[in-house]
Amino acid sequence: VPPTSSSDTQSLGDLMDDAAAAFDDGYTRAVFSPIPQVKDIALINNPMLTGITMVDALAPIGRGQNMLFVGHDIDDMRRYSIDFLSKQLATSPDVKCVYAAIDDADKVSDLLEAEGIADSVQIVAPESSADDVDEMSIAAEAVATASTACALAETHALRDGAHTIVVVDTVDW
């Protein structure tokens, strides 16, 4: 998967816009790369502020840590995720953000535009819509989309030494 700056990528790593080709420097990373061993991972000692005081105080997120947010309202969860990305980009402009928009990439893109961070967030979207494929294919493509987003973020981290954030939007089907 070629890493790009702020462009749209399909679930199998194909670039979706012509501008993205300018960021393709030939560096690739397998979508399903081996998971690093615990001994190879640095200690988590730098906070990533979410902008929501309750979360930052009660369940702080550290750089290098995974966090799962579960909620009933997908729109609220998307707004929270985009607020988090906005806060990180405001405090750490060098952080790389990748958004796996599995369910509704156009709506996510519009929300990122409205927040003013669309140029700083790379969107990974499925190649097909729910209208033209069966349920199992949708599930497989959801996994591929999330994995591609993680591979892109790992590439930014390993190649550039950048801090990265991956948001995987809903994976229900």
Protein backbone atom coordinates (compact mmCIF):
# COMPACT_ATOMS: atom_id res chain seq x y z
CA VAL A 1 0.00 0.00 0.00
CA PRO A 2 1.61 3.31 -1.02
CA PRO A 3 1.38 6.01 1.67
CA THR A 4 -0.08 9.32 0.60
CA SER A 5 -0.46 12.65 2.28
CA SER A 6 -4.07 13.76 2.15
CA SER A 7 -5.92 11.81 -0.47
CA ASP A 8 -8.52 9.15 -0.90
CA THR A 9 -7.50 5.51 -1.16
CA GLN A 10 -9.62 2.47 -1.96
CA SER A 11 -9.69 -0.52 0.36
CA LEU A 12 -6.96 -2.40 -1.51
CA GLY A 13 -4.61 0.59 -1.67
CA ASP A 14 -5.48 2.00 -5.10
CA LEU A 15 -5.37 5.80 -5.16
CA MET A 16 -8.75 7.36 -5.92
CA ASP A 17 -7.62 10.76 -7.18
CA ASP A 18 -4.94 12.08 -9.54
CA ALA A 19 -3.43 14.39 -6.93
CA ALA A 20 -2.58 11.38 -4.76
CA ALA A 21 -0.17 10.04 -7.39
CA ALA A 22 2.23 12.84 -6.50
CA PHE A 23 2.67 11.27 -3.04
CA ASP A 24 3.44 7.77 -4.31
CA ASP A 25 7.18 7.40 -3.81
CA GLY A 26 7.32 3.66 -4.41
CA TYR A 27 7.46 2.74 -0.70
CA THR A 28 4.96 -0.01 0.03
CA ARG A 29 3.83 -2.07 3.00
CA ALA A 30 1.79 -5.24 3.02
CA VAL A 31 -1.79 -4.79 4.18
CA PHE A 32 -1.54 -7.80 6.50
CA SER A 33 1.94 -7.28 7.96
CA PRO A 34 3.17 -9.19 11.01
CA ILE A 35 2.19 -7.65 14.35
CA PRO A 36 5.19 -6.26 16.29
CA GLN A 37 6.17 -8.16 19.41
CA VAL A 38 5.55 -6.50 22.78
CA LYS A 39 9.32 -6.23 23.43
CA ASP A 40 9.68 -4.14 20.24
CA ILE A 41 7.04 -1.58 21.20
CA ALA A 42 8.10 1.55 23.09
CA LEU A 43 6.48 2.43 26.39
CA ILE A 44 3.39 4.62 26.19
CA ASN A 45 4.24 7.83 28.00
CA ASN A 46 2.96 10.68 25.78
CA PRO A 47 -0.69 11.70 25.95
CA MET A 48 -2.97 12.31 22.99
CA LEU A 49 -5.59 14.81 24.09
CA THR A 50 -9.08 14.29 22.76
CA GLY A 51 -10.43 17.73 23.57
CA ILE A 52 -13.06 16.19 25.84
CA THR A 53 -12.04 16.78 29.45
CA MET A 54 -13.92 13.79 30.86
CA VAL A 55 -12.18 11.34 28.50
CA ASP A 56 -8.76 12.99 28.94
CA ALA A 57 -9.09 12.78 32.75
CA LEU A 58 -10.82 9.43 33.24
CA ALA A 59 -9.54 7.34 30.30
CA PRO A 60 -6.51 9.11 28.82
CA ILE A 61 -5.21 7.88 25.50
CA GLY A 62 -1.46 7.55 25.08
CA ARG A 63 0.57 7.63 21.88
CA GLY A 64 0.96 4.04 20.74
CA GLN A 65 -2.22 2.89 22.42
CA ASN A 66 -5.39 1.46 20.92
CA MET A 67 -8.77 2.78 22.02
CA LEU A 68 -12.21 1.49 21.11
CA PHE A 69 -15.19 3.81 21.26
CA VAL A 70 -18.59 2.19 21.08
CA GLY A 71 -21.85 4.06 20.75
CA HIS A 72 -25.38 3.81 19.42
CA ASP A 73 -25.44 6.92 17.27
CA ILE A 74 -22.98 6.71 14.37
CA ASP A 75 -23.23 10.45 13.72
CA ASP A 76 -22.21 11.25 17.32
CA MET A 77 -19.32 8.79 17.11
CA ARG A 78 -18.16 10.34 13.83
CA ARG A 79 -18.32 13.85 15.29
CA TYR A 80 -16.34 12.69 18.32
CA SER A 81 -13.70 11.07 16.09
CA ILE A 82 -13.42 14.15 13.90
CA ASP A 83 -13.16 16.42 16.98
CA PHE A 84 -10.35 14.16 18.21
CA LEU A 85 -8.54 14.41 14.86
CA SER A 86 -9.05 18.17 14.81
CA LYS A 87 -7.60 18.53 18.33
CA GLN A 88 -4.58 16.40 17.42
CA LEU A 89 -3.91 18.30 14.20
CA ALA A 90 -4.19 21.61 16.08
CA THR A 91 -1.71 20.56 18.78
CA SER A 92 0.56 18.33 16.65
CA PRO A 93 0.39 19.39 13.00
CA ASP A 94 2.91 16.70 12.01
CA VAL A 95 0.64 13.83 13.09
CA LYS A 96 -0.65 11.70 10.19
CA CYS A 97 -4.37 10.87 10.24
CA VAL A 98 -6.00 8.02 8.33
CA TYR A 99 -9.78 7.55 8.36
CA ALA A 100 -11.26 4.20 7.26
CA ALA A 101 -14.71 5.30 6.10
CA ILE A 102 -16.31 1.90 5.71
CA ASP A 103 -19.96 2.91 5.75
CA ASP A 104 -20.38 6.34 4.14
CA ALA A 105 -17.18 7.90 2.75
CA ASP A 106 -18.98 10.87 1.19
CA LYS A 107 -20.54 11.89 4.50
CA VAL A 108 -17.22 11.50 6.31
CA SER A 109 -15.51 13.60 3.66
CA ASP A 110 -18.16 16.31 4.06
CA LEU A 111 -17.72 16.31 7.86
CA LEU A 112 -13.93 16.60 7.50
CA GLU A 113 -14.41 19.49 5.04
CA ALA A 114 -16.78 21.25 7.44
CA GLU A 115 -14.21 20.89 10.25
CA GLY A 116 -11.49 22.26 7.96
CA ILE A 117 -9.19 19.23 8.23
CA ALA A 118 -9.98 17.37 5.02
CA ASP A 119 -6.56 18.18 3.54
CA SER A 120 -4.82 16.64 6.56
CA VAL A 121 -6.76 13.37 6.76
CA GLN A 122 -6.37 10.47 4.35
CA ILE A 123 -9.63 8.62 3.70
CA VAL A 124 -9.65 4.90 2.91
CA ALA A 125 -12.97 3.73 1.46
CA PRO A 126 -14.41 0.46 0.14
CA GLU A 127 -14.35 -0.01 -3.61
CA SER A 128 -17.95 -1.14 -3.90
CA SER A 129 -21.25 -0.01 -2.44
CA ALA A 130 -23.71 -2.17 -0.55
CA ASP A 131 -26.06 -2.07 -3.53
CA ASP A 132 -23.96 -4.18 -5.86
CA VAL A 133 -22.46 -6.93 -3.67
CA ASP A 134 -23.58 -9.57 -1.19
CA GLU A 135 -23.26 -9.32 2.60
CA MET A 136 -20.14 -11.51 2.85
CA SER A 137 -18.32 -9.38 0.29
CA ILE A 138 -19.22 -6.25 2.25
CA ALA A 139 -17.82 -7.81 5.44
CA ALA A 140 -14.60 -8.83 3.68
CA GLU A 141 -14.18 -5.38 2.19
CA ALA A 142 -14.75 -3.79 5.62
CA VAL A 143 -11.83 -5.84 6.97
CA ALA A 144 -9.69 -4.92 3.94
CA THR A 145 -10.53 -1.23 4.35
CA ALA A 146 -9.61 -1.21 8.06
CA SER A 147 -6.42 -3.18 7.37
CA THR A 148 -5.40 -0.83 4.56
CA ALA A 149 -5.89 2.19 6.84
CA CYS A 150 -3.68 0.56 9.49
CA ALA A 151 -1.02 -0.35 6.91
CA LEU A 152 -0.94 3.25 5.66
CA ALA A 153 -0.53 4.56 9.20
CA GLU A 154 2.20 2.00 9.96
CA THR A 155 4.01 3.10 6.81
CA HIS A 156 3.95 6.74 7.94
CA ALA A 157 5.26 5.67 11.35
CA LEU A 158 7.98 3.32 10.08
CA ARG A 159 9.13 5.30 7.04
CA ASP A 160 8.78 8.86 8.34
CA GLY A 161 8.88 8.33 12.11
CA ALA A 162 5.55 10.16 12.31
CA HIS A 163 2.88 9.76 14.95
CA THR A 164 -0.29 8.40 13.38
CA ILE A 165 -3.97 8.12 14.19
CA VAL A 166 -6.28 5.62 12.56
CA VAL A 167 -10.04 5.96 12.84
CA VAL A 168 -12.00 2.93 11.70
CA ASP A 169 -15.57 4.04 11.16
CA THR A 170 -18.32 1.50 11.72
CA VAL A 171 -17.70 -2.12 10.75
CA ASP A 172 -21.27 -3.34 11.05
CA TRP A 173 -22.90 -4.85 8.00
